[in-house]
Structures are given as C-alpha cells and as structure tokens.
C-alpha cells in the first residue's frame, strides 16, 4: 500500500510524465503540497525500490541526478495487492478471491486478466 505522500508524489510524476526530484517538488507545490526537496527525493527512491517508478541517470550542472518516470503502476499495484492477499490470508484468501472473480461478468474478468497481463 502507498502512503499519502507517496500517492501525491506518484500522481505529480504521472502528470509530468518524467522529471527529476526538483521538478516533482515544484509540481507538488503547484498542487498546494509543500514538502522539502530531500523528502521528495527520498520518496521517489522508495517508489523506485517498490518498482513503481523507473529512473535513469542524467548529467546536469553540478554532477548527476536521477530522472524518474512512472512505471506501469496499475499492474505493479494490482500484483502487489494480490501478493498481499496471499500473504495475509493464505489459501482462504485465494479461495475467496477466486469466488469473487467468478462473480464477475466474463468481460470484466477478461479485462482484469488483461490488466494483470495474465493472458
């Protein structure tokens, strides 16, 4: 699960498309979210560790920096959610999840599988 700041940072990055921590901080500020540059950089690093953003090094004035881009967030989030269900509830959670999926309209099930890239 994502915290509120992680969600805000990810949303700001998604709106930007890509950018370094400084640009993400400015985007947050335009949204009324005031946070230190170091906090944004740390949050982006944590999102990278979770696989929710990708990054590349870029040379800039003063050295190097990371330029971040949102990963396929929906797929990663849904997969992490499924892993969480399995970890928290074990076989009973999987059975319940399967029962809920069975209640879906076939087109909804197909869309869910497509979004998870299970087909």
N, C-alpha and C. Protein backbone atom coordinates (compact mmCIF):
# COMPACT_ATOMS: atom_id res chain seq x y z
N UNK A 1 0.84 -1.18 0.00
CA UNK A 1 0.00 0.00 0.00
C UNK A 1 0.88 1.24 0.00
N UNK A 2 0.33 2.30 -0.54
CA UNK A 2 1.06 3.55 -0.61
C UNK A 2 0.56 4.52 0.45
N UNK A 3 1.50 5.28 1.00
CA UNK A 3 1.13 6.34 1.92
C UNK A 3 0.62 7.54 1.15
N UNK A 4 0.08 8.52 1.87
CA UNK A 4 -0.49 9.69 1.20
C UNK A 4 0.56 10.49 0.44
N UNK A 5 1.77 10.66 1.01
CA UNK A 5 2.81 11.40 0.31
C UNK A 5 3.28 10.64 -0.92
N UNK A 6 3.43 9.33 -0.81
CA UNK A 6 3.81 8.52 -1.97
C UNK A 6 2.78 8.67 -3.09
N UNK A 7 1.53 8.65 -2.72
CA UNK A 7 0.46 8.80 -3.70
C UNK A 7 0.53 10.17 -4.38
N UNK A 8 0.74 11.21 -3.59
CA UNK A 8 0.86 12.57 -4.15
C UNK A 8 2.05 12.68 -5.09
N UNK A 9 3.21 12.14 -4.67
CA UNK A 9 4.41 12.21 -5.48
C UNK A 9 4.21 11.45 -6.79
N UNK A 10 3.64 10.26 -6.70
CA UNK A 10 3.40 9.46 -7.89
C UNK A 10 2.42 10.15 -8.84
N UNK A 11 1.40 10.76 -8.30
CA UNK A 11 0.43 11.47 -9.11
C UNK A 11 1.07 12.68 -9.80
N UNK A 12 1.90 13.41 -9.07
CA UNK A 12 2.59 14.57 -9.65
C UNK A 12 3.54 14.11 -10.76
N UNK A 13 4.24 13.02 -10.53
CA UNK A 13 5.16 12.49 -11.54
C UNK A 13 4.39 12.03 -12.77
N UNK A 14 3.26 11.40 -12.56
CA UNK A 14 2.44 10.95 -13.68
C UNK A 14 2.00 12.14 -14.53
N UNK A 15 1.63 13.24 -13.88
CA UNK A 15 1.23 14.44 -14.61
C UNK A 15 2.40 15.02 -15.41
N UNK A 16 3.61 14.95 -14.83
CA UNK A 16 4.80 15.45 -15.52
C UNK A 16 5.23 14.54 -16.66
N UNK A 17 5.00 13.27 -16.51
CA UNK A 17 5.48 12.27 -17.47
C UNK A 17 6.84 11.73 -17.06
N UNK A 18 7.75 12.64 -16.76
CA UNK A 18 9.06 12.27 -16.23
C UNK A 18 9.71 13.53 -15.68
N UNK A 19 10.69 13.34 -14.81
CA UNK A 19 11.41 14.50 -14.30
C UNK A 19 12.24 14.17 -13.09
N UNK A 20 13.17 15.06 -12.77
CA UNK A 20 13.98 14.90 -11.56
C UNK A 20 13.17 15.31 -10.32
N UNK A 21 13.70 15.01 -9.17
CA UNK A 21 13.01 15.31 -7.91
C UNK A 21 12.64 16.79 -7.80
N UNK A 22 13.50 17.67 -8.29
CA UNK A 22 13.23 19.11 -8.21
C UNK A 22 11.94 19.45 -8.95
N UNK A 23 11.74 18.90 -10.14
CA UNK A 23 10.52 19.18 -10.90
C UNK A 23 9.29 18.58 -10.23
N UNK A 24 9.45 17.41 -9.64
CA UNK A 24 8.33 16.78 -8.93
C UNK A 24 7.95 17.64 -7.73
N UNK A 25 8.95 18.17 -7.03
CA UNK A 25 8.68 19.06 -5.88
C UNK A 25 7.91 20.29 -6.33
N UNK A 26 8.31 20.88 -7.44
CA UNK A 26 7.59 22.06 -7.96
C UNK A 26 6.15 21.72 -8.32
N UNK A 27 5.96 20.55 -8.93
CA UNK A 27 4.60 20.11 -9.29
C UNK A 27 3.75 19.93 -8.04
N UNK A 28 4.36 19.38 -7.00
CA UNK A 28 3.63 19.21 -5.73
C UNK A 28 3.26 20.57 -5.15
N UNK A 29 4.19 21.50 -5.21
CA UNK A 29 3.94 22.83 -4.68
C UNK A 29 2.77 23.51 -5.41
N UNK A 30 2.70 23.32 -6.73
CA UNK A 30 1.57 23.89 -7.50
C UNK A 30 0.24 23.28 -7.07
N UNK A 31 0.30 22.07 -6.53
CA UNK A 31 -0.91 21.40 -6.04
C UNK A 31 -1.23 21.79 -4.60
N UNK A 32 -0.37 22.60 -4.01
CA UNK A 32 -0.58 23.02 -2.63
C UNK A 32 0.08 22.12 -1.61
N UNK A 33 0.91 21.19 -2.08
CA UNK A 33 1.62 20.27 -1.18
C UNK A 33 3.04 20.81 -0.98
N UNK A 34 3.32 21.32 0.20
CA UNK A 34 4.63 21.87 0.50
C UNK A 34 5.46 20.81 1.21
N UNK A 35 6.57 20.46 0.60
CA UNK A 35 7.43 19.41 1.15
C UNK A 35 8.86 19.72 0.73
N UNK A 36 9.81 19.33 1.56
CA UNK A 36 11.22 19.58 1.27
C UNK A 36 11.71 18.75 0.09
N UNK A 37 12.69 19.28 -0.61
CA UNK A 37 13.30 18.57 -1.74
C UNK A 37 13.80 17.19 -1.30
N UNK A 38 14.48 17.13 -0.14
CA UNK A 38 15.04 15.86 0.32
C UNK A 38 13.94 14.83 0.58
N UNK A 39 12.79 15.28 1.03
CA UNK A 39 11.67 14.38 1.27
C UNK A 39 11.15 13.81 -0.05
N UNK A 40 11.07 14.67 -1.07
CA UNK A 40 10.62 14.21 -2.39
C UNK A 40 11.63 13.21 -2.95
N UNK A 41 12.93 13.52 -2.84
CA UNK A 41 13.97 12.62 -3.36
C UNK A 41 13.91 11.27 -2.65
N UNK A 42 13.74 11.29 -1.35
CA UNK A 42 13.64 10.03 -0.58
C UNK A 42 12.40 9.25 -0.98
N UNK A 43 11.29 9.93 -1.15
CA UNK A 43 10.03 9.27 -1.54
C UNK A 43 10.16 8.65 -2.92
N UNK A 44 10.77 9.37 -3.86
CA UNK A 44 10.98 8.82 -5.20
C UNK A 44 11.88 7.59 -5.14
N UNK A 45 12.90 7.62 -4.31
CA UNK A 45 13.79 6.47 -4.15
C UNK A 45 13.02 5.27 -3.61
N UNK A 46 12.15 5.51 -2.66
CA UNK A 46 11.34 4.41 -2.10
C UNK A 46 10.36 3.87 -3.14
N UNK A 47 9.79 4.75 -3.94
CA UNK A 47 8.90 4.30 -5.01
C UNK A 47 9.67 3.48 -6.04
N UNK A 48 10.92 3.86 -6.28
CA UNK A 48 11.78 3.08 -7.18
C UNK A 48 12.02 1.69 -6.58
N UNK A 49 12.33 1.64 -5.28
CA UNK A 49 12.56 0.35 -4.61
C UNK A 49 11.33 -0.55 -4.68
N UNK A 50 10.15 0.05 -4.68
CA UNK A 50 8.89 -0.71 -4.77
C UNK A 50 8.54 -1.07 -6.20
N UNK A 51 9.33 -0.59 -7.16
CA UNK A 51 9.07 -0.90 -8.56
C UNK A 51 7.98 -0.06 -9.18
N UNK A 52 7.62 1.05 -8.55
CA UNK A 52 6.53 1.87 -9.06
C UNK A 52 7.00 3.00 -9.96
N UNK A 53 8.30 3.29 -9.94
CA UNK A 53 8.88 4.27 -10.86
C UNK A 53 10.19 3.69 -11.39
N UNK A 54 10.55 4.13 -12.58
CA UNK A 54 11.87 3.79 -13.12
C UNK A 54 12.70 5.06 -13.08
N UNK A 55 14.01 4.91 -13.22
CA UNK A 55 14.86 6.09 -13.20
C UNK A 55 16.07 5.86 -14.08
N UNK A 56 16.63 6.96 -14.53
CA UNK A 56 17.88 6.92 -15.28
C UNK A 56 18.75 8.07 -14.80
N UNK A 57 20.05 7.87 -14.88
CA UNK A 57 20.98 8.93 -14.50
C UNK A 57 21.12 9.92 -15.65
N UNK A 58 21.29 11.17 -15.28
CA UNK A 58 21.45 12.23 -16.25
C UNK A 58 22.50 13.19 -15.72
N UNK A 59 23.39 13.62 -16.61
CA UNK A 59 24.39 14.61 -16.23
C UNK A 59 23.71 15.97 -16.18
N UNK A 60 24.03 16.72 -15.16
CA UNK A 60 23.47 18.06 -15.03
C UNK A 60 24.54 18.98 -14.45
N UNK A 61 24.22 20.25 -14.41
CA UNK A 61 25.15 21.19 -13.81
C UNK A 61 25.36 20.80 -12.35
N UNK A 62 26.57 20.55 -11.98
CA UNK A 62 26.87 20.17 -10.61
C UNK A 62 27.02 18.67 -10.41
N UNK A 63 26.87 17.87 -11.46
CA UNK A 63 27.06 16.43 -11.31
C UNK A 63 26.04 15.60 -12.05
N UNK A 64 25.42 14.69 -11.32
CA UNK A 64 24.41 13.81 -11.90
C UNK A 64 23.15 13.85 -11.06
N UNK A 65 22.08 13.45 -11.69
CA UNK A 65 20.80 13.34 -10.98
C UNK A 65 20.01 12.22 -11.62
N UNK A 66 18.98 11.78 -10.91
CA UNK A 66 18.06 10.79 -11.46
C UNK A 66 16.88 11.51 -12.10
N UNK A 67 16.46 10.99 -13.21
CA UNK A 67 15.22 11.43 -13.85
C UNK A 67 14.26 10.25 -13.71
N UNK A 68 13.13 10.51 -13.08
CA UNK A 68 12.15 9.46 -12.77
C UNK A 68 11.02 9.46 -13.77
N UNK A 69 10.44 8.29 -13.95
CA UNK A 69 9.28 8.10 -14.82
C UNK A 69 8.38 7.05 -14.15
N UNK A 70 7.07 7.25 -14.20
CA UNK A 70 6.18 6.24 -13.61
C UNK A 70 6.33 4.91 -14.33
N UNK A 71 6.38 3.85 -13.58
CA UNK A 71 6.36 2.50 -14.16
C UNK A 71 4.90 2.17 -14.44
N UNK A 72 4.65 0.97 -14.93
CA UNK A 72 3.27 0.55 -15.14
C UNK A 72 2.66 0.35 -13.76
N UNK A 73 2.23 1.44 -13.18
CA UNK A 73 1.80 1.47 -11.78
C UNK A 73 0.62 0.55 -11.52
N UNK A 74 -0.33 0.58 -12.41
CA UNK A 74 -1.53 -0.23 -12.17
C UNK A 74 -1.19 -1.70 -12.05
N UNK A 75 -0.39 -2.19 -12.98
CA UNK A 75 -0.03 -3.61 -12.96
C UNK A 75 0.77 -3.94 -11.69
N UNK A 76 1.75 -3.12 -11.37
CA UNK A 76 2.57 -3.37 -10.17
C UNK A 76 1.69 -3.33 -8.93
N UNK A 77 0.82 -2.33 -8.84
CA UNK A 77 -0.04 -2.19 -7.67
C UNK A 77 -0.96 -3.39 -7.53
N UNK A 78 -1.59 -3.80 -8.62
CA UNK A 78 -2.51 -4.94 -8.56
C UNK A 78 -1.77 -6.23 -8.19
N UNK A 79 -0.59 -6.42 -8.75
CA UNK A 79 0.19 -7.62 -8.41
C UNK A 79 0.59 -7.60 -6.94
N UNK A 80 1.01 -6.43 -6.44
CA UNK A 80 1.37 -6.33 -5.02
C UNK A 80 0.15 -6.57 -4.13
N UNK A 81 -0.99 -6.08 -4.57
CA UNK A 81 -2.23 -6.30 -3.82
C UNK A 81 -2.55 -7.79 -3.75
N UNK A 82 -2.41 -8.49 -4.87
CA UNK A 82 -2.67 -9.93 -4.89
C UNK A 82 -1.69 -10.67 -3.98
N UNK A 83 -0.43 -10.28 -4.03
CA UNK A 83 0.57 -10.91 -3.14
C UNK A 83 0.21 -10.66 -1.68
N UNK A 84 -0.28 -9.45 -1.40
CA UNK A 84 -0.69 -9.13 -0.03
C UNK A 84 -1.84 -10.00 0.45
N UNK A 85 -2.80 -10.24 -0.43
CA UNK A 85 -3.94 -11.12 -0.08
C UNK A 85 -3.43 -12.51 0.26
N UNK A 86 -2.54 -13.01 -0.57
CA UNK A 86 -1.99 -14.35 -0.35
C UNK A 86 -1.20 -14.38 0.96
N UNK A 87 -0.36 -13.37 1.18
CA UNK A 87 0.48 -13.34 2.38
C UNK A 87 -0.36 -13.21 3.66
N UNK A 88 -1.40 -12.38 3.61
CA UNK A 88 -2.20 -12.13 4.81
C UNK A 88 -3.21 -13.23 5.10
N UNK A 89 -3.81 -13.78 4.04
CA UNK A 89 -4.92 -14.69 4.26
C UNK A 89 -4.67 -16.11 3.81
N UNK A 90 -3.56 -16.35 3.15
CA UNK A 90 -3.20 -17.69 2.73
C UNK A 90 -4.22 -18.30 1.79
N UNK A 91 -4.37 -19.62 1.86
CA UNK A 91 -5.29 -20.32 0.95
C UNK A 91 -6.74 -19.82 1.04
N UNK A 92 -7.19 -19.45 2.23
CA UNK A 92 -8.57 -18.96 2.37
C UNK A 92 -8.76 -17.67 1.58
N UNK A 93 -7.75 -16.81 1.57
CA UNK A 93 -7.84 -15.57 0.80
C UNK A 93 -7.89 -15.83 -0.69
N UNK A 94 -7.13 -16.81 -1.15
CA UNK A 94 -7.12 -17.17 -2.56
C UNK A 94 -8.48 -17.73 -2.96
N UNK A 95 -9.06 -18.59 -2.12
CA UNK A 95 -10.38 -19.16 -2.40
C UNK A 95 -11.41 -18.04 -2.50
N UNK A 96 -11.39 -17.12 -1.54
CA UNK A 96 -12.35 -16.02 -1.55
C UNK A 96 -12.16 -15.15 -2.80
N UNK A 97 -10.92 -14.85 -3.13
CA UNK A 97 -10.64 -14.05 -4.31
C UNK A 97 -11.17 -14.74 -5.57
N UNK A 98 -10.95 -16.04 -5.68
CA UNK A 98 -11.47 -16.79 -6.83
C UNK A 98 -12.99 -16.75 -6.88
N UNK A 99 -13.62 -16.84 -5.72
CA UNK A 99 -15.08 -16.77 -5.68
C UNK A 99 -15.58 -15.41 -6.16
N UNK A 100 -14.89 -14.35 -5.77
CA UNK A 100 -15.27 -13.00 -6.20
C UNK A 100 -15.05 -12.81 -7.70
N UNK A 101 -13.96 -13.35 -8.20
CA UNK A 101 -13.69 -13.25 -9.64
C UNK A 101 -14.74 -14.02 -10.43
N UNK A 102 -15.18 -15.14 -9.89
CA UNK A 102 -16.21 -15.95 -10.57
C UNK A 102 -17.53 -15.20 -10.69
N UNK A 103 -17.76 -14.23 -9.82
CA UNK A 103 -18.99 -13.44 -9.84
C UNK A 103 -18.95 -12.33 -10.91
N UNK A 104 -17.77 -12.08 -11.44
CA UNK A 104 -17.63 -11.02 -12.44
C UNK A 104 -18.26 -11.42 -13.76
N UNK A 105 -18.71 -10.43 -14.47
CA UNK A 105 -19.14 -10.62 -15.85
C UNK A 105 -17.92 -11.10 -16.63
N UNK A 106 -18.08 -12.00 -17.61
CA UNK A 106 -16.92 -12.51 -18.37
C UNK A 106 -16.05 -11.41 -18.97
N UNK A 107 -16.66 -10.33 -19.41
CA UNK A 107 -15.85 -9.24 -19.99
C UNK A 107 -15.04 -8.53 -18.90
N UNK A 108 -15.61 -8.43 -17.68
CA UNK A 108 -14.87 -7.82 -16.57
C UNK A 108 -13.69 -8.71 -16.16
N UNK A 109 -13.92 -10.01 -16.14
CA UNK A 109 -12.85 -10.94 -15.81
C UNK A 109 -11.73 -10.85 -16.84
N UNK A 110 -12.12 -10.80 -18.11
CA UNK A 110 -11.13 -10.71 -19.18
C UNK A 110 -10.33 -9.41 -19.05
N UNK A 111 -11.01 -8.32 -18.73
CA UNK A 111 -10.33 -7.03 -18.55
C UNK A 111 -9.36 -7.08 -17.37
N UNK A 112 -9.77 -7.71 -16.27
CA UNK A 112 -8.89 -7.86 -15.11
C UNK A 112 -7.66 -8.67 -15.49
N UNK A 113 -7.85 -9.76 -16.18
CA UNK A 113 -6.71 -10.57 -16.61
C UNK A 113 -5.79 -9.80 -17.56
N UNK A 114 -6.40 -9.00 -18.44
CA UNK A 114 -5.59 -8.19 -19.37
C UNK A 114 -4.75 -7.19 -18.59
N UNK A 115 -5.38 -6.54 -17.60
CA UNK A 115 -4.67 -5.53 -16.83
C UNK A 115 -3.55 -6.14 -16.00
N UNK A 116 -3.74 -7.38 -15.59
CA UNK A 116 -2.69 -8.07 -14.84
C UNK A 116 -1.72 -8.81 -15.76
N UNK A 117 -2.01 -8.79 -17.05
CA UNK A 117 -1.23 -9.49 -18.07
C UNK A 117 -1.13 -10.97 -17.75
N UNK A 118 -2.28 -11.56 -17.39
CA UNK A 118 -2.34 -12.98 -17.09
C UNK A 118 -2.72 -13.78 -18.33
N UNK A 119 -3.09 -13.12 -19.40
CA UNK A 119 -3.45 -13.83 -20.65
C UNK A 119 -2.40 -13.57 -21.70
